[in-house]
Amino acid sequence: MATLNVSVTASTDDGYYASVSGTTFSATATFLNLGVAGGGVIYGTWMRFLNVTIPQGSTISSAVITFVSSIGATGTVCNVKINCEDADNPVVPTTAADARSRARTSNTLWSSIGSWTTGTSYATPNFSASLQTVINRVGFASGNAIQVFIEDNGSTTGAIRQPASWDHTTRAEPALDITYTDPAGQPTVVRFQSVFGNPFNQFPFGYS
């Protein structure tokens, strides 16, 4: 078994945008948005993980992102869908329209997300099938970036969850855990964690 830790290298490697229409977009907020805001904005979030050293054609058995909540939230019902950008080595989006235009893999549903408590960690469902599509691409190469999108999927207005982003000063950024078997048949666990990326991040993962 091998473990690899890869950090988000810049603020722009995660952020949120209006996922259906509109121009709402941020790559510098201290939080991400999952769901629908009280004002009715329907959100999407992107996260790019660099230097994904998984051999092309490996078999992905598990892919899970862990978030740390930046604020408590109880609004219901919060439903989202998870997918990856269907590209060999994607760059980050720069506008809401750009984010909406990216090619996507199949969706994994994350439905009826429960209430969140500030500083607590929460994990997504396993979206290995979505990631497998990227790893199977002929042009994918070990060391490329992968980009994950999480977009609303029919949440009620005001049902929103706000995990900490790279820019948060006291809580950890999203961390992606992948379990896979490379083409040679060696089972491997890889943890891609956006470790604290600025000088004010002084606290351990999940600190509240």
N, C-alpha and C. Protein backbone atom coordinates (compact mmCIF):
# COMPACT_ATOMS: atom_id res chain seq x y z
N MET A 1 0.85 -1.19 0.00
CA MET A 1 0.00 0.00 0.00
C MET A 1 0.89 1.25 0.00
N ALA A 2 0.50 2.24 -0.74
CA ALA A 2 1.25 3.49 -0.80
C ALA A 2 0.31 4.66 -0.54
N THR A 3 0.84 5.70 0.06
CA THR A 3 0.06 6.89 0.35
C THR A 3 0.72 8.10 -0.29
N LEU A 4 -0.05 8.91 -0.96
CA LEU A 4 0.45 10.12 -1.61
C LEU A 4 -0.39 11.31 -1.16
N ASN A 5 0.24 12.38 -0.71
CA ASN A 5 -0.46 13.59 -0.29
C ASN A 5 -0.17 14.70 -1.29
N VAL A 6 -1.22 15.23 -1.91
CA VAL A 6 -1.07 16.29 -2.91
C VAL A 6 -1.89 17.50 -2.47
N SER A 7 -1.25 18.67 -2.44
CA SER A 7 -1.91 19.88 -1.98
C SER A 7 -2.50 20.68 -3.13
N VAL A 8 -3.61 21.35 -2.87
CA VAL A 8 -4.10 22.37 -3.80
C VAL A 8 -3.06 23.48 -3.81
N THR A 9 -2.67 23.90 -5.00
CA THR A 9 -1.53 24.81 -5.10
C THR A 9 -1.91 26.28 -5.12
N ALA A 10 -3.21 26.58 -5.26
CA ALA A 10 -3.61 27.99 -5.34
C ALA A 10 -5.08 28.12 -4.96
N SER A 11 -5.46 29.32 -4.60
CA SER A 11 -6.85 29.60 -4.24
C SER A 11 -7.81 29.20 -5.34
N THR A 12 -7.40 29.36 -6.60
CA THR A 12 -8.30 29.10 -7.72
C THR A 12 -8.58 27.63 -7.95
N ASP A 13 -7.94 26.72 -7.21
CA ASP A 13 -8.17 25.30 -7.41
C ASP A 13 -9.47 24.82 -6.79
N ASP A 14 -10.19 25.67 -6.08
CA ASP A 14 -11.57 25.34 -5.70
C ASP A 14 -12.39 26.62 -5.63
N GLY A 15 -13.70 26.47 -5.79
CA GLY A 15 -14.57 27.63 -5.77
C GLY A 15 -16.00 27.23 -6.08
N TYR A 16 -16.87 28.23 -6.24
CA TYR A 16 -18.28 27.95 -6.53
C TYR A 16 -18.78 28.86 -7.64
N TYR A 17 -19.94 28.49 -8.22
CA TYR A 17 -20.51 29.23 -9.35
C TYR A 17 -22.00 28.95 -9.43
N ALA A 18 -22.71 29.78 -10.15
CA ALA A 18 -24.13 29.55 -10.43
C ALA A 18 -24.21 28.45 -11.47
N SER A 19 -24.82 27.30 -11.10
CA SER A 19 -24.73 26.11 -11.95
C SER A 19 -25.81 25.99 -13.01
N VAL A 20 -26.85 26.82 -12.94
CA VAL A 20 -27.92 26.74 -13.93
C VAL A 20 -27.91 27.96 -14.85
N SER A 21 -27.87 29.14 -14.27
CA SER A 21 -27.82 30.38 -15.04
C SER A 21 -27.26 31.48 -14.14
N GLY A 22 -26.86 32.57 -14.75
CA GLY A 22 -26.33 33.68 -13.98
C GLY A 22 -24.81 33.72 -14.00
N THR A 23 -24.26 34.75 -13.37
CA THR A 23 -22.81 34.98 -13.41
C THR A 23 -22.12 34.83 -12.06
N THR A 24 -22.85 34.44 -11.02
CA THR A 24 -22.24 34.27 -9.70
C THR A 24 -21.05 33.31 -9.79
N PHE A 25 -19.89 33.76 -9.29
CA PHE A 25 -18.66 32.98 -9.42
C PHE A 25 -17.66 33.47 -8.38
N SER A 26 -16.99 32.54 -7.68
CA SER A 26 -15.93 32.93 -6.75
C SER A 26 -14.89 31.83 -6.65
N ALA A 27 -13.63 32.22 -6.77
CA ALA A 27 -12.52 31.31 -6.55
C ALA A 27 -11.73 31.70 -5.31
N THR A 28 -12.20 32.69 -4.55
CA THR A 28 -11.44 33.19 -3.41
C THR A 28 -12.20 33.18 -2.09
N ALA A 29 -13.46 32.76 -2.09
CA ALA A 29 -14.23 32.71 -0.84
C ALA A 29 -13.63 31.66 0.08
N THR A 30 -13.90 31.77 1.37
CA THR A 30 -13.38 30.81 2.35
C THR A 30 -14.24 29.56 2.45
N PHE A 31 -15.27 29.47 1.64
CA PHE A 31 -16.19 28.34 1.69
C PHE A 31 -16.62 27.98 0.27
N LEU A 32 -17.19 26.78 0.14
CA LEU A 32 -17.81 26.33 -1.10
C LEU A 32 -19.31 26.23 -0.87
N ASN A 33 -20.09 26.10 -1.93
CA ASN A 33 -21.54 26.05 -1.80
C ASN A 33 -22.11 24.79 -2.43
N LEU A 34 -22.86 24.04 -1.64
CA LEU A 34 -23.56 22.86 -2.13
C LEU A 34 -25.04 23.08 -1.88
N GLY A 35 -25.86 23.14 -2.95
CA GLY A 35 -27.29 23.30 -2.78
C GLY A 35 -27.81 24.61 -3.35
N VAL A 36 -28.84 25.15 -2.71
CA VAL A 36 -29.52 26.36 -3.19
C VAL A 36 -29.58 27.38 -2.06
N ALA A 37 -29.12 28.59 -2.33
CA ALA A 37 -29.10 29.65 -1.32
C ALA A 37 -30.51 30.15 -1.03
N GLY A 38 -30.63 30.85 0.10
CA GLY A 38 -31.92 31.41 0.48
C GLY A 38 -32.47 32.36 -0.56
N GLY A 39 -31.57 33.02 -1.31
CA GLY A 39 -32.00 33.94 -2.35
C GLY A 39 -32.34 33.26 -3.66
N GLY A 40 -32.16 31.93 -3.70
CA GLY A 40 -32.55 31.17 -4.87
C GLY A 40 -31.44 30.83 -5.84
N VAL A 41 -30.19 31.28 -5.58
CA VAL A 41 -29.09 30.93 -6.48
C VAL A 41 -28.80 29.43 -6.36
N ILE A 42 -28.75 28.74 -7.49
CA ILE A 42 -28.49 27.31 -7.54
C ILE A 42 -26.99 27.13 -7.80
N TYR A 43 -26.31 26.43 -6.89
CA TYR A 43 -24.85 26.44 -6.92
C TYR A 43 -24.21 25.17 -7.45
N GLY A 44 -23.01 25.35 -7.95
CA GLY A 44 -22.08 24.27 -8.23
C GLY A 44 -20.74 24.62 -7.61
N THR A 45 -19.92 23.60 -7.41
CA THR A 45 -18.59 23.77 -6.82
C THR A 45 -17.60 22.96 -7.65
N TRP A 46 -16.39 23.49 -7.84
CA TRP A 46 -15.35 22.70 -8.47
C TRP A 46 -14.17 22.55 -7.52
N MET A 47 -13.44 21.45 -7.70
CA MET A 47 -12.21 21.19 -6.96
C MET A 47 -11.23 20.52 -7.91
N ARG A 48 -10.04 21.10 -8.07
CA ARG A 48 -9.03 20.49 -8.92
C ARG A 48 -7.90 19.95 -8.06
N PHE A 49 -7.56 18.70 -8.30
CA PHE A 49 -6.47 18.03 -7.58
C PHE A 49 -5.34 17.77 -8.58
N LEU A 50 -4.15 18.29 -8.25
CA LEU A 50 -3.01 18.19 -9.14
C LEU A 50 -2.17 16.94 -8.85
N ASN A 51 -1.35 16.59 -9.84
CA ASN A 51 -0.36 15.51 -9.68
C ASN A 51 -1.01 14.21 -9.21
N VAL A 52 -2.03 13.77 -9.94
CA VAL A 52 -2.72 12.53 -9.62
C VAL A 52 -1.91 11.38 -10.24
N THR A 53 -1.07 10.78 -9.43
CA THR A 53 -0.13 9.78 -9.93
C THR A 53 -0.74 8.38 -9.93
N ILE A 54 -1.81 8.25 -10.70
CA ILE A 54 -2.48 6.96 -10.90
C ILE A 54 -2.23 6.55 -12.35
N PRO A 55 -1.71 5.36 -12.60
CA PRO A 55 -1.46 4.95 -13.98
C PRO A 55 -2.75 4.90 -14.80
N GLN A 56 -2.65 5.30 -16.06
CA GLN A 56 -3.79 5.22 -16.97
C GLN A 56 -4.29 3.77 -17.04
N GLY A 57 -5.61 3.59 -16.98
CA GLY A 57 -6.18 2.26 -17.06
C GLY A 57 -6.27 1.52 -15.74
N SER A 58 -5.89 2.15 -14.64
CA SER A 58 -6.04 1.51 -13.33
C SER A 58 -7.52 1.31 -13.02
N THR A 59 -7.82 0.38 -12.13
CA THR A 59 -9.19 0.12 -11.71
C THR A 59 -9.47 0.88 -10.42
N ILE A 60 -10.43 1.78 -10.44
CA ILE A 60 -10.79 2.59 -9.29
C ILE A 60 -11.89 1.88 -8.51
N SER A 61 -11.63 1.58 -7.25
CA SER A 61 -12.65 0.93 -6.43
C SER A 61 -13.33 1.90 -5.48
N SER A 62 -12.68 2.99 -5.16
CA SER A 62 -13.29 3.96 -4.25
C SER A 62 -12.72 5.35 -4.51
N ALA A 63 -13.61 6.34 -4.52
CA ALA A 63 -13.22 7.75 -4.61
C ALA A 63 -14.18 8.54 -3.74
N VAL A 64 -13.67 9.17 -2.71
CA VAL A 64 -14.51 9.88 -1.73
C VAL A 64 -13.84 11.20 -1.36
N ILE A 65 -14.61 12.27 -1.33
CA ILE A 65 -14.11 13.57 -0.87
C ILE A 65 -14.62 13.82 0.54
N THR A 66 -13.73 14.25 1.41
CA THR A 66 -14.11 14.64 2.77
C THR A 66 -14.03 16.16 2.90
N PHE A 67 -15.08 16.75 3.42
CA PHE A 67 -15.17 18.19 3.65
C PHE A 67 -15.15 18.48 5.15
N VAL A 68 -14.80 19.70 5.50
CA VAL A 68 -14.99 20.21 6.86
C VAL A 68 -15.96 21.38 6.77
N SER A 69 -17.03 21.33 7.52
CA SER A 69 -18.04 22.37 7.45
C SER A 69 -17.51 23.70 7.98
N SER A 70 -17.71 24.76 7.21
CA SER A 70 -17.27 26.09 7.65
C SER A 70 -18.31 26.77 8.53
N ILE A 71 -19.55 26.26 8.48
CA ILE A 71 -20.63 26.87 9.26
C ILE A 71 -21.74 25.83 9.43
N GLY A 72 -22.49 25.91 10.52
CA GLY A 72 -23.60 25.01 10.73
C GLY A 72 -24.72 25.27 9.73
N ALA A 73 -25.42 24.19 9.33
CA ALA A 73 -26.51 24.34 8.35
C ALA A 73 -27.55 23.25 8.58
N THR A 74 -28.82 23.64 8.52
CA THR A 74 -29.90 22.68 8.78
C THR A 74 -30.96 22.66 7.70
N GLY A 75 -30.86 23.54 6.68
CA GLY A 75 -31.90 23.62 5.66
C GLY A 75 -32.10 22.31 4.92
N THR A 76 -33.34 21.95 4.63
CA THR A 76 -33.65 20.71 3.91
C THR A 76 -34.56 21.06 2.73
N VAL A 77 -34.57 20.31 1.65
CA VAL A 77 -33.81 19.11 1.41
C VAL A 77 -32.61 19.49 0.54
N CYS A 78 -31.40 18.98 0.87
CA CYS A 78 -30.20 19.31 0.10
C CYS A 78 -29.77 18.08 -0.70
N ASN A 79 -29.87 18.18 -2.03
CA ASN A 79 -29.48 17.10 -2.94
C ASN A 79 -28.47 17.63 -3.95
N VAL A 80 -27.39 16.88 -4.19
CA VAL A 80 -26.41 17.28 -5.19
C VAL A 80 -25.99 16.08 -6.02
N LYS A 81 -25.26 16.34 -7.10
CA LYS A 81 -24.71 15.29 -7.95
C LYS A 81 -23.21 15.54 -8.11
N ILE A 82 -22.45 14.47 -8.13
CA ILE A 82 -20.99 14.54 -8.21
C ILE A 82 -20.56 13.96 -9.55
N ASN A 83 -19.65 14.65 -10.23
CA ASN A 83 -19.05 14.09 -11.44
C ASN A 83 -17.65 14.66 -11.61
N CYS A 84 -16.93 14.15 -12.57
CA CYS A 84 -15.59 14.64 -12.88
C CYS A 84 -15.60 15.30 -14.25
N GLU A 85 -14.66 16.20 -14.47
CA GLU A 85 -14.52 16.74 -15.82
C GLU A 85 -13.93 15.65 -16.71
N ASP A 86 -14.58 15.42 -17.84
CA ASP A 86 -14.15 14.37 -18.77
C ASP A 86 -13.05 14.94 -19.67
N ALA A 87 -11.86 15.08 -19.08
CA ALA A 87 -10.72 15.68 -19.78
C ALA A 87 -9.44 15.06 -19.24
N ASP A 88 -8.39 15.11 -20.05
CA ASP A 88 -7.13 14.47 -19.66
C ASP A 88 -6.42 15.21 -18.54
N ASN A 89 -6.40 16.55 -18.60
CA ASN A 89 -5.62 17.35 -17.66
C ASN A 89 -6.25 18.74 -17.57
N PRO A 90 -7.42 18.86 -16.92
CA PRO A 90 -8.21 20.08 -16.99
C PRO A 90 -7.59 21.27 -16.27
N VAL A 91 -7.95 22.44 -16.75
CA VAL A 91 -7.60 23.69 -16.07
C VAL A 91 -8.84 24.17 -15.32
N VAL A 92 -8.64 25.08 -14.38
CA VAL A 92 -9.77 25.56 -13.58
C VAL A 92 -10.66 26.47 -14.42
N PRO A 93 -11.97 26.50 -14.12
CA PRO A 93 -12.86 27.45 -14.79
C PRO A 93 -12.57 28.86 -14.31
N THR A 94 -12.92 29.83 -15.14
CA THR A 94 -12.69 31.24 -14.80
C THR A 94 -13.98 32.06 -14.73
N THR A 95 -15.09 31.49 -15.17
CA THR A 95 -16.40 32.13 -15.08
C THR A 95 -17.45 31.05 -14.83
N ALA A 96 -18.64 31.48 -14.45
CA ALA A 96 -19.72 30.53 -14.25
C ALA A 96 -20.06 29.83 -15.56
N ALA A 97 -20.10 30.59 -16.66
CA ALA A 97 -20.41 30.00 -17.96
C ALA A 97 -19.36 28.97 -18.35
N ASP A 98 -18.10 29.26 -18.07
CA ASP A 98 -17.02 28.33 -18.36
C ASP A 98 -17.21 27.03 -17.57
N ALA A 99 -17.51 27.14 -16.29
CA ALA A 99 -17.72 25.95 -15.45
C ALA A 99 -18.88 25.11 -15.98
N ARG A 100 -19.97 25.77 -16.36
CA ARG A 100 -21.14 25.04 -16.85
C ARG A 100 -20.87 24.34 -18.18
N SER A 101 -19.91 24.83 -18.94
CA SER A 101 -19.67 24.30 -20.28
C SER A 101 -18.77 23.08 -20.30
N ARG A 102 -18.13 22.73 -19.19
CA ARG A 102 -17.16 21.64 -19.19
C ARG A 102 -17.84 20.29 -19.40
N ALA A 103 -17.16 19.41 -20.14
CA ALA A 103 -17.66 18.05 -20.37
C ALA A 103 -17.62 17.28 -19.05
N ARG A 104 -18.67 16.51 -18.80
CA ARG A 104 -18.81 15.80 -17.54
C ARG A 104 -18.86 14.29 -17.75
N THR A 105 -18.44 13.57 -16.73
CA THR A 105 -18.64 12.12 -16.67
C THR A 105 -20.05 11.85 -16.15
N SER A 106 -20.38 10.59 -15.92
CA SER A 106 -21.66 10.24 -15.32
C SER A 106 -21.74 10.80 -13.90
N ASN A 107 -22.97 10.91 -13.39
CA ASN A 107 -23.20 11.48 -12.06
C ASN A 107 -23.27 10.40 -10.98
N THR A 108 -22.82 10.78 -9.80
CA THR A 108 -23.10 10.03 -8.58
C THR A 108 -23.95 10.92 -7.70
N LEU A 109 -25.09 10.43 -7.23
CA LEU A 109 -26.01 11.25 -6.45
C LEU A 109 -25.66 11.25 -4.97
N TRP A 110 -25.78 12.42 -4.36
CA TRP A 110 -25.62 12.59 -2.92
C TRP A 110 -26.90 13.27 -2.45
N SER A 111 -27.83 12.49 -1.95
CA SER A 111 -29.19 12.97 -1.70
C SER A 111 -29.49 13.09 -0.21
N SER A 112 -30.40 14.01 0.09
CA SER A 112 -30.88 14.23 1.47
C SER A 112 -29.71 14.39 2.43
N ILE A 113 -28.81 15.32 2.10
CA ILE A 113 -27.65 15.58 2.97
C ILE A 113 -28.16 16.12 4.30
N GLY A 114 -27.72 15.52 5.38
CA GLY A 114 -28.20 15.91 6.70
C GLY A 114 -27.65 17.25 7.16
N SER A 115 -28.05 17.64 8.37
CA SER A 115 -27.56 18.89 8.94
C SER A 115 -26.05 18.82 9.16
N TRP A 116 -25.39 19.97 9.02
CA TRP A 116 -23.94 20.06 9.23
C TRP A 116 -23.65 20.92 10.46
N THR A 117 -22.61 20.52 11.17
CA THR A 117 -22.13 21.25 12.36
C THR A 117 -20.79 21.88 12.05
N THR A 118 -20.60 23.10 12.47
CA THR A 118 -19.34 23.81 12.20
C THR A 118 -18.14 23.01 12.67
N GLY A 119 -17.15 22.87 11.80
CA GLY A 119 -15.91 22.19 12.13
C GLY A 119 -15.93 20.69 12.04
N THR A 120 -17.07 20.10 11.68
CA THR A 120 -17.19 18.65 11.58
C THR A 120 -16.91 18.19 10.15
N SER A 121 -16.32 17.00 10.00
CA SER A 121 -16.00 16.44 8.69
C SER A 121 -17.18 15.64 8.14
N TYR A 122 -17.39 15.73 6.83
CA TYR A 122 -18.45 15.00 6.14
C TYR A 122 -17.90 14.44 4.83
N ALA A 123 -18.27 13.20 4.52
CA ALA A 123 -17.75 12.54 3.33
C ALA A 123 -18.83 12.34 2.28
N THR A 124 -18.45 12.45 1.03
CA THR A 124 -19.35 12.19 -0.08
C THR A 124 -19.57 10.68 -0.25
N PRO A 125 -20.55 10.29 -1.02
CA PRO A 125 -20.63 8.89 -1.46
C PRO A 125 -19.45 8.57 -2.37
N ASN A 126 -19.25 7.29 -2.60
CA ASN A 126 -18.20 6.81 -3.50
C ASN A 126 -18.57 7.15 -4.95
N PHE A 127 -17.73 7.93 -5.62
CA PHE A 127 -17.98 8.27 -7.02
C PHE A 127 -16.93 7.65 -7.94
N SER A 128 -16.53 6.42 -7.64
CA SER A 128 -15.47 5.74 -8.39
C SER A 128 -15.83 5.58 -9.87
N ALA A 129 -17.10 5.36 -10.19
CA ALA A 129 -17.47 5.18 -11.60
C ALA A 129 -17.19 6.44 -12.40
N SER A 130 -17.43 7.60 -11.80
CA SER A 130 -17.16 8.87 -12.49
C SER A 130 -15.66 9.04 -12.72
N LEU A 131 -14.87 8.78 -11.69
CA LEU A 131 -13.42 8.92 -11.82
C LEU A 131 -12.86 7.89 -12.79
N GLN A 132 -13.44 6.69 -12.82
CA GLN A 132 -12.94 5.64 -13.71
C GLN A 132 -12.97 6.10 -15.17
N THR A 133 -13.99 6.85 -15.54
CA THR A 133 -14.09 7.36 -16.90
C THR A 133 -12.87 8.20 -17.27
N VAL A 134 -12.40 9.02 -16.33
CA VAL A 134 -11.23 9.86 -16.59
C VAL A 134 -9.97 9.02 -16.68
N ILE A 135 -9.78 8.11 -15.73
CA ILE A 135 -8.57 7.29 -15.69
C ILE A 135 -8.49 6.39 -16.92
N ASN A 136 -9.63 6.05 -17.50
CA ASN A 136 -9.66 5.20 -18.70
C ASN A 136 -9.38 5.96 -19.99
N ARG A 137 -9.36 7.28 -19.95
CA ARG A 137 -9.11 8.06 -21.16
C ARG A 137 -7.74 7.72 -21.74
N VAL A 138 -7.68 7.59 -23.05
CA VAL A 138 -6.41 7.25 -23.71
C VAL A 138 -5.35 8.31 -23.42
N GLY A 139 -5.78 9.58 -23.32
CA GLY A 139 -4.82 10.66 -23.11
C GLY A 139 -4.46 10.93 -21.66
N PHE A 140 -5.12 10.23 -20.71
CA PHE A 140 -4.78 10.47 -19.31
C PHE A 140 -3.42 9.88 -19.01
N ALA A 141 -2.62 10.59 -18.21
CA ALA A 141 -1.30 10.11 -17.82
C ALA A 141 -1.09 10.34 -16.34
N SER A 142 -0.37 9.45 -15.70
CA SER A 142 -0.04 9.62 -14.29
C SER A 142 0.62 10.97 -14.07
N GLY A 143 0.14 11.70 -13.08
CA GLY A 143 0.65 13.04 -12.80
C GLY A 143 -0.25 14.15 -13.30
N ASN A 144 -1.28 13.81 -14.10
CA ASN A 144 -2.23 14.81 -14.56
C ASN A 144 -3.10 15.31 -13.41
N ALA A 145 -3.82 16.40 -13.67
CA ALA A 145 -4.82 16.90 -12.73
C ALA A 145 -6.16 16.24 -13.03
N ILE A 146 -7.01 16.15 -12.01
CA ILE A 146 -8.41 15.80 -12.21
C ILE A 146 -9.26 16.90 -11.58
N GLN A 147 -10.42 17.11 -12.13
CA GLN A 147 -11.31 18.14 -11.61
C GLN A 147 -12.68 17.53 -11.30
N VAL A 148 -13.15 17.78 -10.08
CA VAL A 148 -14.42 17.25 -9.62
C VAL A 148 -15.43 18.39 -9.50
N PHE A 149 -16.63 18.16 -10.00
CA PHE A 149 -17.72 19.12 -9.87
C PHE A 149 -18.81 18.52 -8.98
N ILE A 150 -19.38 19.35 -8.12
CA ILE A 150 -20.57 18.97 -7.35
C ILE A 150 -21.62 20.06 -7.59
N GLU A 151 -22.74 19.65 -8.17
CA GLU A 151 -23.78 20.60 -8.54
C GLU A 151 -25.11 20.24 -7.91
N ASP A 152 -25.95 21.25 -7.75
CA ASP A 152 -27.26 21.00 -7.15
C ASP A 152 -28.08 20.02 -7.99
N ASN A 153 -28.96 19.28 -7.28
CA ASN A 153 -29.80 18.29 -7.95
C ASN A 153 -31.21 18.30 -7.35
N GLY A 154 -31.82 19.49 -7.34
CA GLY A 154 -33.20 19.58 -6.88
C GLY A 154 -33.36 19.92 -5.41
N SER A 155 -32.41 20.64 -4.82
CA SER A 155 -32.55 21.06 -3.42
C SER A 155 -33.66 22.10 -3.29
N THR A 156 -34.23 22.20 -2.11
CA THR A 156 -35.19 23.27 -1.85
C THR A 156 -34.43 24.57 -1.55
N THR A 157 -35.09 25.69 -1.77
CA THR A 157 -34.46 26.99 -1.51
C THR A 157 -34.06 27.11 -0.05
N GLY A 158 -32.82 27.51 0.18
CA GLY A 158 -32.28 27.65 1.54
C GLY A 158 -31.60 26.41 2.05
N ALA A 159 -31.65 25.32 1.27
CA ALA A 159 -30.96 24.09 1.67
C ALA A 159 -29.55 24.12 1.10
N ILE A 160 -28.59 24.55 1.91
CA ILE A 160 -27.22 24.74 1.43
C ILE A 160 -26.24 24.27 2.48
N ARG A 161 -25.15 23.67 2.02
CA ARG A 161 -24.05 23.26 2.90
C ARG A 161 -22.79 23.96 2.42
N GLN A 162 -21.96 24.44 3.36
CA GLN A 162 -20.81 25.26 3.00
C GLN A 162 -19.51 24.70 3.60
N PRO A 163 -18.88 23.77 2.89
CA PRO A 163 -17.59 23.27 3.35
C PRO A 163 -16.50 24.32 3.20
N ALA A 164 -15.45 24.18 4.00
CA ALA A 164 -14.30 25.09 3.92
C ALA A 164 -13.58 24.89 2.59
N SER A 165 -13.07 25.98 2.04
CA SER A 165 -12.28 25.94 0.82
C SER A 165 -10.80 26.07 1.17
N TRP A 166 -9.95 26.11 0.14
CA TRP A 166 -8.51 26.32 0.35
C TRP A 166 -8.24 27.62 1.10
N ASP A 167 -9.10 28.62 0.87
CA ASP A 167 -8.87 29.95 1.44
C ASP A 167 -9.25 30.06 2.91
N HIS A 168 -9.87 29.04 3.47
CA HIS A 168 -10.23 29.10 4.89
C HIS A 168 -8.96 29.07 5.74
N THR A 169 -8.92 29.90 6.76
CA THR A 169 -7.68 30.04 7.53
C THR A 169 -7.54 29.05 8.68
N THR A 170 -8.61 28.38 9.08
CA THR A 170 -8.51 27.48 10.24
C THR A 170 -9.02 26.07 9.99
N ARG A 171 -9.65 25.82 8.85
CA ARG A 171 -10.18 24.48 8.59
C ARG A 171 -9.66 23.94 7.28
N ALA A 172 -9.56 22.63 7.21
CA ALA A 172 -8.94 21.98 6.06
C ALA A 172 -9.81 22.06 4.81
N GLU A 173 -9.13 22.09 3.69
CA GLU A 173 -9.76 22.08 2.38
C GLU A 173 -10.28 20.67 2.07
N PRO A 174 -11.02 20.53 0.97
CA PRO A 174 -11.50 19.20 0.59
C PRO A 174 -10.35 18.22 0.38
N ALA A 175 -10.55 16.98 0.82
CA ALA A 175 -9.55 15.93 0.67
C ALA A 175 -10.15 14.77 -0.09
N LEU A 176 -9.45 14.32 -1.12
CA LEU A 176 -9.94 13.24 -1.97
C LEU A 176 -9.18 11.95 -1.68
N ASP A 177 -9.91 10.90 -1.30
CA ASP A 177 -9.33 9.59 -1.04
C ASP A 177 -9.67 8.65 -2.19
N ILE A 178 -8.64 8.06 -2.78
CA ILE A 178 -8.85 7.12 -3.89
C ILE A 178 -8.21 5.79 -3.56
N THR A 179 -8.95 4.72 -3.74
CA THR A 179 -8.41 3.37 -3.66
C THR A 179 -8.45 2.77 -5.06
N TYR A 180 -7.34 2.22 -5.52
CA TYR A 180 -7.30 1.70 -6.88
C TYR A 180 -6.32 0.54 -6.99
N THR A 181 -6.45 -0.19 -8.08
CA THR A 181 -5.50 -1.24 -8.42
C THR A 181 -4.87 -0.87 -9.75
N ASP A 182 -3.56 -0.77 -9.79
CA ASP A 182 -2.91 -0.37 -11.04
C ASP A 182 -2.91 -1.54 -12.02
N PRO A 183 -2.57 -1.30 -13.28
CA PRO A 183 -2.65 -2.37 -14.28
C PRO A 183 -1.78 -3.58 -13.97
N ALA A 184 -0.76 -3.40 -13.12
CA ALA A 184 0.08 -4.53 -12.73
C ALA A 184 -0.56 -5.36 -11.63
N GLY A 185 -1.71 -4.88 -11.09
CA GLY A 185 -2.43 -5.65 -10.09
C GLY A 185 -2.07 -5.35 -8.67
N GLN A 186 -1.40 -4.20 -8.42
CA GLN A 186 -1.02 -3.84 -7.07
C GLN A 186 -2.07 -2.93 -6.44
N PRO A 187 -2.75 -3.38 -5.36
CA PRO A 187 -3.73 -2.51 -4.70
C PRO A 187 -3.04 -1.36 -4.00
N THR A 188 -3.59 -0.15 -4.15
CA THR A 188 -2.95 1.04 -3.59
C THR A 188 -4.01 1.97 -3.04
N VAL A 189 -3.71 2.62 -1.93
CA VAL A 189 -4.58 3.65 -1.39
C VAL A 189 -3.85 4.98 -1.52
N VAL A 190 -4.51 5.96 -2.13
CA VAL A 190 -3.90 7.27 -2.33
C VAL A 190 -4.78 8.30 -1.67
N ARG A 191 -4.21 9.19 -0.89
CA ARG A 191 -4.99 10.26 -0.27
C ARG A 191 -4.52 11.58 -0.85
N PHE A 192 -5.42 12.25 -1.56
CA PHE A 192 -5.13 13.56 -2.10
C PHE A 192 -5.78 14.58 -1.18
N GLN A 193 -4.98 15.26 -0.39
CA GLN A 193 -5.54 16.23 0.56
C GLN A 193 -4.95 17.60 0.29
N SER A 194 -5.85 18.58 0.18
CA SER A 194 -5.41 19.95 0.01
C SER A 194 -4.95 20.45 1.37
N VAL A 195 -3.72 20.15 1.76
CA VAL A 195 -3.25 20.55 3.07
C VAL A 195 -3.18 22.05 3.14
N PHE A 196 -3.18 22.56 4.37
CA PHE A 196 -3.32 24.00 4.58
C PHE A 196 -2.38 24.77 3.67
N GLY A 197 -2.95 25.60 2.80
CA GLY A 197 -2.18 26.18 1.73
C GLY A 197 -1.77 27.62 1.95
N ASN A 198 -1.98 28.22 3.14
CA ASN A 198 -1.50 29.57 3.33
C ASN A 198 -0.95 29.70 4.74
N PRO A 199 -0.16 30.72 5.01
CA PRO A 199 0.56 30.78 6.28
C PRO A 199 -0.30 30.91 7.50
N PHE A 200 -1.60 31.20 7.36
CA PHE A 200 -2.46 31.34 8.54
C PHE A 200 -3.09 30.02 8.96
N ASN A 201 -2.97 28.99 8.12
CA ASN A 201 -3.53 27.70 8.47
C ASN A 201 -2.64 27.01 9.48
N GLN A 202 -3.05 26.99 10.74
CA GLN A 202 -2.20 26.48 11.80
C GLN A 202 -2.78 25.29 12.51
N PHE A 203 -3.99 24.87 12.14
CA PHE A 203 -4.70 23.89 12.95
C PHE A 203 -4.82 22.57 12.23
N PRO A 204 -4.96 21.47 12.97
CA PRO A 204 -5.07 20.15 12.36
C PRO A 204 -6.39 19.96 11.63
N PHE A 205 -6.41 18.95 10.76
CA PHE A 205 -7.60 18.66 9.97
C PHE A 205 -8.83 18.48 10.86
N GLY A 206 -9.89 19.21 10.52
CA GLY A 206 -11.13 19.07 11.26
C GLY A 206 -11.23 19.92 12.51
N TYR A 207 -10.25 20.82 12.74
CA TYR A 207 -10.31 21.67 13.93
C TYR A 207 -11.54 22.56 13.88
N SER A 208 -12.20 22.71 15.01
CA SER A 208 -13.40 23.57 15.02
C SER A 208 -13.16 24.84 15.80
